[in-house]
């Protein structure tokens, strides 16, 4: 994963081309956790209700990524980018 992220050219990423989904939960200590799911907008076209269905695929490369944020501490997990088939 680290190798993939180091090779990625972030200057070419246009976030306007991505859809974002948010899901909140609480950890065992009661702290709010937000899971962010990012996907290329065209990948979300096959879903009837993006508010109720998580966009999920196997592989897909940089078209799919997610990250988790602990709201209280501000700590995040590393951004996870899907692999290539």
Protein backbone atom coordinates (compact mmCIF):
# COMPACT_ATOMS: atom_id res chain seq x y z
CA UNK A 1 0.00 0.00 0.00
CA UNK A 2 2.75 2.46 0.90
CA UNK A 3 4.46 1.82 -2.45
CA UNK A 4 1.21 2.45 -4.30
CA UNK A 5 0.58 5.71 -2.44
CA UNK A 6 4.15 6.92 -3.03
CA UNK A 7 3.82 6.29 -6.79
CA UNK A 8 0.39 7.93 -7.08
CA UNK A 9 0.41 11.32 -8.77
CA UNK A 10 -1.94 13.26 -6.51
CA UNK A 11 -1.67 16.32 -8.72
CA UNK A 12 -3.81 14.50 -11.32
CA UNK A 13 -6.65 13.63 -8.92
CA UNK A 14 -9.78 15.73 -9.46
CA UNK A 15 -12.09 15.25 -6.47
CA UNK A 16 -15.01 16.63 -8.51
CA UNK A 17 -14.96 13.29 -10.36
CA UNK A 18 -15.57 11.32 -7.14
CA UNK A 19 -18.63 10.57 -5.06
CA UNK A 20 -18.28 10.39 -1.29
CA UNK A 21 -20.28 8.41 1.25
CA UNK A 22 -20.05 8.87 5.02
CA UNK A 23 -20.98 6.37 7.72
CA UNK A 24 -20.79 7.20 11.41
CA UNK A 25 -20.43 4.84 14.34
CA UNK A 26 -18.98 4.79 17.85
CA UNK A 27 -15.96 2.88 19.12
CA UNK A 28 -16.00 0.90 22.37
CA UNK A 29 -15.12 4.05 24.35
CA UNK A 30 -18.07 5.94 22.83
CA UNK A 31 -15.99 8.14 20.52
CA UNK A 32 -17.55 9.01 17.17
CA UNK A 33 -15.89 7.38 14.17
CA UNK A 34 -16.56 8.44 10.57
CA UNK A 35 -15.86 6.08 7.69
CA UNK A 36 -15.48 7.84 4.34
CA UNK A 37 -15.98 5.88 1.13
CA UNK A 38 -14.80 7.51 -2.10
CA UNK A 39 -15.54 6.27 -5.61
CA UNK A 40 -15.52 7.48 -9.19
CA UNK A 41 -18.92 9.03 -9.88
CA UNK A 42 -19.66 6.66 -12.76
CA UNK A 43 -19.22 3.72 -10.37
CA UNK A 44 -22.16 5.00 -8.33
CA UNK A 45 -24.52 5.19 -11.30
CA UNK A 46 -25.68 1.58 -10.92
CA UNK A 47 -26.95 2.17 -7.37
CA UNK A 48 -30.58 3.14 -6.82
CA UNK A 49 -30.05 4.95 -3.51
CA UNK A 50 -26.54 6.04 -2.51
CA UNK A 51 -27.90 7.09 0.90
CA UNK A 52 -28.79 3.47 1.69
CA UNK A 53 -26.31 1.42 -0.36
CA UNK A 54 -22.53 1.40 0.08
CA UNK A 55 -20.66 1.54 -3.23
CA UNK A 56 -18.39 -1.49 -3.05
CA UNK A 57 -16.40 -3.48 -5.60
CA UNK A 58 -13.47 -5.85 -5.72
CA UNK A 59 -10.34 -4.23 -7.13
CA UNK A 60 -11.03 -1.05 -9.12
CA UNK A 61 -7.76 0.72 -8.41
CA UNK A 62 -7.70 4.42 -7.61
CA UNK A 63 -11.38 4.71 -8.51
CA UNK A 64 -12.17 3.43 -4.99
CA UNK A 65 -10.70 4.51 -1.66
CA UNK A 66 -11.70 4.85 1.99
CA UNK A 67 -10.45 6.26 5.27
CA UNK A 68 -11.65 6.26 8.89
CA UNK A 69 -11.47 9.33 11.15
CA UNK A 70 -11.79 9.48 14.93
CA UNK A 71 -13.62 12.79 15.41
CA UNK A 72 -12.43 13.50 18.96
CA UNK A 73 -8.73 12.75 18.43
CA UNK A 74 -8.57 13.69 14.75
CA UNK A 75 -6.57 10.53 14.09
CA UNK A 76 -7.11 8.73 10.81
CA UNK A 77 -6.33 5.37 9.34
CA UNK A 78 -4.14 5.44 6.24
CA UNK A 79 -6.13 6.01 3.06
CA UNK A 80 -6.91 2.59 1.59
CA UNK A 81 -6.98 2.47 -2.20
CA UNK A 82 -8.40 -0.59 -3.91
CA UNK A 83 -5.98 -2.81 -5.76
CA UNK A 84 -5.90 -3.57 -9.48
CA UNK A 85 -7.13 -6.89 -10.83
